[in-house]
Structures are given as structure tokens and as C-alpha cells.
Amino acid sequence: MKIGFCGTMSVGKTTLVNALAELPEFKDYKFRTERSKYLMELGIPLNTDSTVKGQAVFLAERASELMNDNIITDRTIIDVMAFAKCSKSMYYFEADDFCQFASYMLEEYDYIFYVSPEGVDIENNGVRETDAEYRKEIDDTIQLLLSKYRHRIKNLIEIKGSTEERIKSVKLSVLS
């Protein structure tokens, strides 16, 4: 099963995936978490400075994750699409074409969980953008993309609350 978590920055996606990795119910899964810091160190522009080439690298990472049978990842193709759409360094038509191309891989996820930013403060990890307006822009864009491409997503579930509440929602959805 291929399970991905999408959502704007600093909503607890990595924390959630790391918590799931500790559970015996998911012992047969591979887990992939954030690599933004590594990619930034390679000189790949992030956030508003992202380019077509940079987003292609992020998309390739997400696509390579989807080549695994049992995987849980803290980013999805939807996240990559949202950052492309919100980039100040990409022309709107580049972002549109990029998203259209990327959208064909969405159907490979068995579950996409949208992680709500509701009640979660921004945490500075030295890589992510900490601007609250940009965070909201990414979240709004993710929600628009989820709506636009809903027909390509097998199971879309919104989760919120504490890490424990989120784990409970994931287990109820995936293991039932």
C-alpha cells in the first residue's frame, strides 16, 4: 500500500510518519521523510525561489517513492505541485504544465492524507519558510489541487488534532 501525507509546511507530517514507523502494524513498510535540507545543500532552490528544474528533482523523488509497494511518505506529489504553483521563479504556464504532468501519478497512492494546519504553530527548522502568509498560500493551493485532481485520488482523508489523534485516524482508515 502507498500512503502519502500532504499539507503545508510545519503541520507535523514528518513527526506523524516517524511515529507511524514505530508501530508494529506498519513494520512491513518503508518510510521516507523530508529531504529539503539535503536538496538545499545541493543548491536546489526551495520555496518561492523554486524553478522548473528544482521542482523536477522533488517530483523525481516522489515518483521514486511510488516505485515501492509498501511505503509511507511525509510528502506527496500534491505538495510538489503546490510549491510549483506558488513559485515566484516559474511562469504560470510552466507551473500549470508541470502540475498537469505530475497529476498522472496521483492515482498510484492508495491513500493521501491531507494534514490540516489548524491549531499548529509554525516551527523553524532552518530550512522551511516561516512566513505565515506563504504557509497559508501553500495550504490554500494544496486544497485547490486536491479538489481539482480529486478524480485521480483513490482515498483522500483529512486529519487534524494531536499526533495521537492523527495516528488513530490513519489506523482506522488504512487498517480497517
C-alpha atoms as a PDB file:
ATOM      1  CA  MET A   1       0.000   0.000   0.000  1.00  0.00           C
ATOM      2  CA  LYS A   2       1.223   3.509  -0.859  1.00  0.00           C
ATOM      3  CA  ILE A   3       0.371   6.118   1.753  1.00  0.00           C
ATOM      4  CA  GLY A   4       1.283   9.788   1.492  1.00  0.00           C
ATOM      5  CA  PHE A   5       0.752  12.774   3.741  1.00  0.00           C
ATOM      6  CA  CYS A   6       0.315  16.188   2.190  1.00  0.00           C
ATOM      7  CA  GLY A   7      -0.013  19.592   3.758  1.00  0.00           C
ATOM      8  CA  THR A   8       1.632  22.949   4.073  1.00  0.00           C
ATOM      9  CA  MET A   9       4.873  23.393   5.970  1.00  0.00           C
ATOM     10  CA  SER A  10       5.110  22.848   9.718  1.00  0.00           C
ATOM     11  CA  VAL A  11       1.924  20.827  10.262  1.00  0.00           C
ATOM     12  CA  GLY A  12       3.567  17.705  11.699  1.00  0.00           C
ATOM     13  CA  LYS A  13       3.806  15.441   8.646  1.00  0.00           C
ATOM     14  CA  THR A  14       7.335  14.236   9.433  1.00  0.00           C
ATOM     15  CA  THR A  15       6.510  13.824  13.125  1.00  0.00           C
ATOM     16  CA  LEU A  16       3.497  11.714  12.175  1.00  0.00           C
ATOM     17  CA  VAL A  17       5.415   9.492   9.740  1.00  0.00           C
ATOM     18  CA  ASN A  18       8.189   8.968  12.299  1.00  0.00           C
ATOM     19  CA  ALA A  19       5.556   7.984  14.893  1.00  0.00           C
ATOM     20  CA  LEU A  20       3.930   5.518  12.468  1.00  0.00           C
ATOM     21  CA  ALA A  21       7.356   3.967  11.824  1.00  0.00           C
ATOM     22  CA  GLU A  22       7.447   2.925  15.497  1.00  0.00           C
ATOM     23  CA  LEU A  23       4.172   0.992  15.311  1.00  0.00           C
ATOM     24  CA  PRO A  24       4.168  -2.797  14.785  1.00  0.00           C
ATOM     25  CA  GLU A  25       1.168  -2.501  12.432  1.00  0.00           C
ATOM     26  CA  PHE A  26       3.413  -0.781   9.889  1.00  0.00           C
ATOM     27  CA  LYS A  27       6.560  -2.898  10.327  1.00  0.00           C
ATOM     28  CA  ASP A  28       6.488  -4.052   6.687  1.00  0.00           C
ATOM     29  CA  TYR A  29       6.538  -0.504   5.314  1.00  0.00           C
ATOM     30  CA  LYS A  30       9.362   1.690   4.101  1.00  0.00           C
ATOM     31  CA  PHE A  31       9.298   5.244   5.428  1.00  0.00           C
ATOM     32  CA  ARG A  32      10.534   8.348   3.626  1.00  0.00           C
ATOM     33  CA  THR A  33      10.793  11.731   5.268  1.00  0.00           C
ATOM     34  CA  GLU A  34      11.768  15.268   4.391  1.00  0.00           C
ATOM     35  CA  ARG A  35      14.897  15.777   2.334  1.00  0.00           C
ATOM     36  CA  SER A  36      14.589  19.517   1.765  1.00  0.00           C
ATOM     37  CA  LYS A  37      17.705  20.315   3.791  1.00  0.00           C
ATOM     38  CA  TYR A  38      19.783  17.849   1.760  1.00  0.00           C
ATOM     39  CA  LEU A  39      18.443  19.199  -1.536  1.00  0.00           C
ATOM     40  CA  MET A  40      19.015  22.791  -0.406  1.00  0.00           C
ATOM     41  CA  GLU A  41      22.644  21.888   0.352  1.00  0.00           C
ATOM     42  CA  LEU A  42      22.921  20.660  -3.255  1.00  0.00           C
ATOM     43  CA  GLY A  43      21.952  24.166  -4.365  1.00  0.00           C
ATOM     44  CA  ILE A  44      18.390  23.374  -5.405  1.00  0.00           C
ATOM     45  CA  PRO A  45      16.234  26.466  -4.839  1.00  0.00           C
ATOM     46  CA  LEU A  46      13.296  25.966  -2.475  1.00  0.00           C
ATOM     47  CA  ASN A  47      10.014  27.662  -1.642  1.00  0.00           C
ATOM     48  CA  THR A  48       9.285  30.878  -3.595  1.00  0.00           C
ATOM     49  CA  ASP A  49      12.626  30.601  -5.443  1.00  0.00           C
ATOM     50  CA  SER A  50      11.869  27.140  -6.797  1.00  0.00           C
ATOM     51  CA  THR A  51      12.425  26.571 -10.512  1.00  0.00           C
ATOM     52  CA  VAL A  52      11.170  24.006 -13.013  1.00  0.00           C
ATOM     53  CA  LYS A  53      14.434  22.073 -12.632  1.00  0.00           C
ATOM     54  CA  GLY A  54      14.228  22.213  -8.845  1.00  0.00           C
ATOM     55  CA  GLN A  55      10.630  21.026  -8.805  1.00  0.00           C
ATOM     56  CA  ALA A  56      11.554  18.268 -11.272  1.00  0.00           C
ATOM     57  CA  VAL A  57      14.062  16.969  -8.705  1.00  0.00           C
ATOM     58  CA  PHE A  58      11.380  16.966  -5.999  1.00  0.00           C
ATOM     59  CA  LEU A  59       8.933  15.260  -8.369  1.00  0.00           C
ATOM     60  CA  ALA A  60      11.527  12.606  -9.231  1.00  0.00           C
ATOM     61  CA  GLU A  61      11.939  11.859  -5.519  1.00  0.00           C
ATOM     62  CA  ARG A  62       8.186  11.458  -5.062  1.00  0.00           C
ATOM     63  CA  ALA A  63       7.969   9.293  -8.208  1.00  0.00           C
ATOM     64  CA  SER A  64      10.801   7.066  -6.968  1.00  0.00           C
ATOM     65  CA  GLU A  65       8.933   6.589  -3.672  1.00  0.00           C
ATOM     66  CA  LEU A  66       5.924   5.353  -5.637  1.00  0.00           C
ATOM     67  CA  MET A  67       8.046   2.544  -7.110  1.00  0.00           C
ATOM     68  CA  ASN A  68       7.867   0.835  -3.681  1.00  0.00           C
ATOM     69  CA  ASP A  69       4.957  -1.431  -2.792  1.00  0.00           C
ATOM     70  CA  ASN A  70       4.624  -0.602   0.904  1.00  0.00           C
ATOM     71  CA  ILE A  71       5.629   2.983   1.574  1.00  0.00           C
ATOM     72  CA  ILE A  72       4.607   5.776   3.885  1.00  0.00           C
ATOM     73  CA  THR A  73       5.930   9.212   2.998  1.00  0.00           C
ATOM     74  CA  ASP A  74       5.629  12.660   4.543  1.00  0.00           C
ATOM     75  CA  ARG A  75       5.344  14.415   1.179  1.00  0.00           C
ATOM     76  CA  THR A  76       3.240  13.722  -1.904  1.00  0.00           C
ATOM     77  CA  ILE A  77       3.127  14.814  -5.490  1.00  0.00           C
ATOM     78  CA  ILE A  78       0.402  17.273  -4.418  1.00  0.00           C
ATOM     79  CA  ASP A  79       2.963  19.071  -2.227  1.00  0.00           C
ATOM     80  CA  VAL A  80       5.380  19.357  -5.147  1.00  0.00           C
ATOM     81  CA  MET A  81       2.599  20.696  -7.361  1.00  0.00           C
ATOM     82  CA  ALA A  82       1.622  23.312  -4.752  1.00  0.00           C
ATOM     83  CA  PHE A  83       5.167  24.608  -4.409  1.00  0.00           C
ATOM     84  CA  ALA A  84       5.430  24.831  -8.198  1.00  0.00           C
ATOM     85  CA  LYS A  85       2.174  26.811  -8.366  1.00  0.00           C
ATOM     86  CA  CYS A  86       3.383  29.201  -5.622  1.00  0.00           C
ATOM     87  CA  SER A  87       6.888  29.693  -7.024  1.00  0.00           C
ATOM     88  CA  LYS A  88       7.806  33.258  -7.922  1.00  0.00           C
ATOM     89  CA  SER A  89      10.529  31.939 -10.265  1.00  0.00           C
ATOM     90  CA  MET A  90       8.270  29.894 -12.548  1.00  0.00           C
ATOM     91  CA  TYR A  91       5.931  31.268 -15.191  1.00  0.00           C
ATOM     92  CA  TYR A  92       2.294  30.377 -14.533  1.00  0.00           C
ATOM     93  CA  PHE A  93       2.156  28.259 -17.706  1.00  0.00           C
ATOM     94  CA  GLU A  94       5.258  26.315 -16.615  1.00  0.00           C
ATOM     95  CA  ALA A  95       3.618  25.559 -13.272  1.00  0.00           C
ATOM     96  CA  ASP A  96       0.334  24.596 -14.964  1.00  0.00           C
ATOM     97  CA  ASP A  97       2.069  22.235 -17.403  1.00  0.00           C
ATOM     98  CA  PHE A  98       4.192  20.791 -14.601  1.00  0.00           C
ATOM     99  CA  CYS A  99       1.127  20.121 -12.436  1.00  0.00           C
ATOM    100  CA  GLN A 100      -0.800  18.550 -15.284  1.00  0.00           C
ATOM    101  CA  PHE A 101       2.097  16.172 -15.967  1.00  0.00           C
ATOM    102  CA  ALA A 102       2.625  15.370 -12.274  1.00  0.00           C
ATOM    103  CA  SER A 103      -1.080  14.732 -11.687  1.00  0.00           C
ATOM    104  CA  TYR A 104      -0.974  11.486 -13.662  1.00  0.00           C
ATOM    105  CA  MET A 105       0.968   9.862 -10.811  1.00  0.00           C
ATOM    106  CA  LEU A 106      -1.607  10.730  -8.130  1.00  0.00           C
ATOM    107  CA  GLU A 107      -3.626   7.593  -8.842  1.00  0.00           C
ATOM    108  CA  GLU A 108      -0.723   5.472  -7.595  1.00  0.00           C
ATOM    109  CA  TYR A 109      -1.338   6.469  -3.980  1.00  0.00           C
ATOM    110  CA  ASP A 110      -3.733   4.171  -2.150  1.00  0.00           C
ATOM    111  CA  TYR A 111      -4.268   6.871   0.472  1.00  0.00           C
ATOM    112  CA  ILE A 112      -3.472  10.555   0.567  1.00  0.00           C
ATOM    113  CA  PHE A 113      -3.966  12.159   3.946  1.00  0.00           C
ATOM    114  CA  TYR A 114      -4.331  15.934   3.978  1.00  0.00           C
ATOM    115  CA  VAL A 115      -2.816  17.202   7.239  1.00  0.00           C
ATOM    116  CA  SER A 116      -4.618  20.339   8.370  1.00  0.00           C
ATOM    117  CA  PRO A 117      -2.593  23.269   9.756  1.00  0.00           C
ATOM    118  CA  GLU A 118      -5.470  24.038  12.116  1.00  0.00           C
ATOM    119  CA  GLY A 119      -4.094  24.742  15.590  1.00  0.00           C
ATOM    120  CA  VAL A 120      -0.455  24.033  14.645  1.00  0.00           C
ATOM    121  CA  ASP A 121       2.153  26.786  15.077  1.00  0.00           C
ATOM    122  CA  ILE A 122       4.979  27.265  12.574  1.00  0.00           C
ATOM    123  CA  GLU A 123       8.240  25.730  13.742  1.00  0.00           C
ATOM    124  CA  ASN A 124      11.553  26.973  12.337  1.00  0.00           C
ATOM    125  CA  ASN A 125      13.762  24.043  11.326  1.00  0.00           C
ATOM    126  CA  GLY A 126      16.273  26.205   9.463  1.00  0.00           C
ATOM    127  CA  VAL A 127      15.004  25.095   6.033  1.00  0.00           C
ATOM    128  CA  ARG A 128      11.288  25.733   5.794  1.00  0.00           C
ATOM    129  CA  GLU A 129       9.716  29.098   5.187  1.00  0.00           C
ATOM    130  CA  THR A 130       8.311  30.642   8.383  1.00  0.00           C
ATOM    131  CA  ASP A 131       6.136  33.321   6.763  1.00  0.00           C
ATOM    132  CA  ALA A 132       2.547  32.697   7.905  1.00  0.00           C
ATOM    133  CA  GLU A 133       1.085  34.204   4.709  1.00  0.00           C
ATOM    134  CA  TYR A 134       3.187  31.926   2.494  1.00  0.00           C
ATOM    135  CA  ARG A 135       2.213  28.953   4.653  1.00  0.00           C
ATOM    136  CA  LYS A 136      -1.454  29.831   4.108  1.00  0.00           C
ATOM    137  CA  GLU A 137      -0.879  30.309   0.359  1.00  0.00           C
ATOM    138  CA  ILE A 138       0.631  26.818   0.121  1.00  0.00           C
ATOM    139  CA  ASP A 139      -2.247  25.359   2.160  1.00  0.00           C
ATOM    140  CA  ASP A 140      -4.870  27.074   0.001  1.00  0.00           C
ATOM    141  CA  THR A 141      -3.107  25.821  -3.135  1.00  0.00           C
ATOM    142  CA  ILE A 142      -2.925  22.263  -1.796  1.00  0.00           C
ATOM    143  CA  GLN A 143      -6.653  22.335  -1.099  1.00  0.00           C
ATOM    144  CA  LEU A 144      -7.380  23.656  -4.609  1.00  0.00           C
ATOM    145  CA  LEU A 145      -5.206  20.953  -6.182  1.00  0.00           C
ATOM    146  CA  LEU A 146      -6.850  18.235  -4.087  1.00  0.00           C
ATOM    147  CA  SER A 147     -10.211  19.450  -5.333  1.00  0.00           C
ATOM    148  CA  LYS A 148      -9.113  19.804  -8.965  1.00  0.00           C
ATOM    149  CA  TYR A 149      -7.498  16.360  -9.123  1.00  0.00           C
ATOM    150  CA  ARG A 150      -9.828  14.530  -6.718  1.00  0.00           C
ATOM    151  CA  HIS A 151     -10.864  12.186  -9.538  1.00  0.00           C
ATOM    152  CA  ARG A 152      -7.300  10.819  -9.634  1.00  0.00           C
ATOM    153  CA  ILE A 153      -7.041  10.161  -5.894  1.00  0.00           C
ATOM    154  CA  LYS A 154      -8.307   6.785  -4.645  1.00  0.00           C
ATOM    155  CA  ASN A 155      -8.739   7.721  -0.981  1.00  0.00           C
ATOM    156  CA  LEU A 156      -8.418  11.266   0.343  1.00  0.00           C
ATOM    157  CA  ILE A 157      -8.781  11.809   4.075  1.00  0.00           C
ATOM    158  CA  GLU A 158      -8.315  14.984   6.116  1.00  0.00           C
ATOM    159  CA  ILE A 159      -6.683  14.563   9.504  1.00  0.00           C
ATOM    160  CA  LYS A 160      -6.153  17.031  12.331  1.00  0.00           C
ATOM    161  CA  GLY A 161      -5.570  17.120  16.055  1.00  0.00           C
ATOM    162  CA  SER A 162      -2.703  15.784  18.135  1.00  0.00           C
ATOM    163  CA  THR A 163      -0.229  13.247  16.776  1.00  0.00           C
ATOM    164  CA  GLU A 164      -2.088  10.546  18.715  1.00  0.00           C
ATOM    165  CA  GLU A 165      -5.433  11.592  17.190  1.00  0.00           C
ATOM    166  CA  ARG A 166      -3.890  11.608  13.731  1.00  0.00           C
ATOM    167  CA  ILE A 167      -2.398   8.141  14.243  1.00  0.00           C
ATOM    168  CA  LYS A 168      -5.817   6.880  15.296  1.00  0.00           C
ATOM    169  CA  SER A 169      -7.392   8.343  12.119  1.00  0.00           C
ATOM    170  CA  VAL A 170      -4.719   6.760   9.922  1.00  0.00           C
ATOM    171  CA  LYS A 171      -5.088   3.353  11.572  1.00  0.00           C
ATOM    172  CA  LEU A 172      -8.892   3.471  11.299  1.00  0.00           C
ATOM    173  CA  SER A 173      -8.655   4.336   7.604  1.00  0.00           C
ATOM    174  CA  VAL A 174      -5.862   2.032   6.495  1.00  0.00           C
ATOM    175  CA  LEU A 175      -6.186  -0.993   8.760  1.00  0.00           C
ATOM    176  CA  SER A 176      -9.983  -1.378   8.804  1.00  0.00           C
END
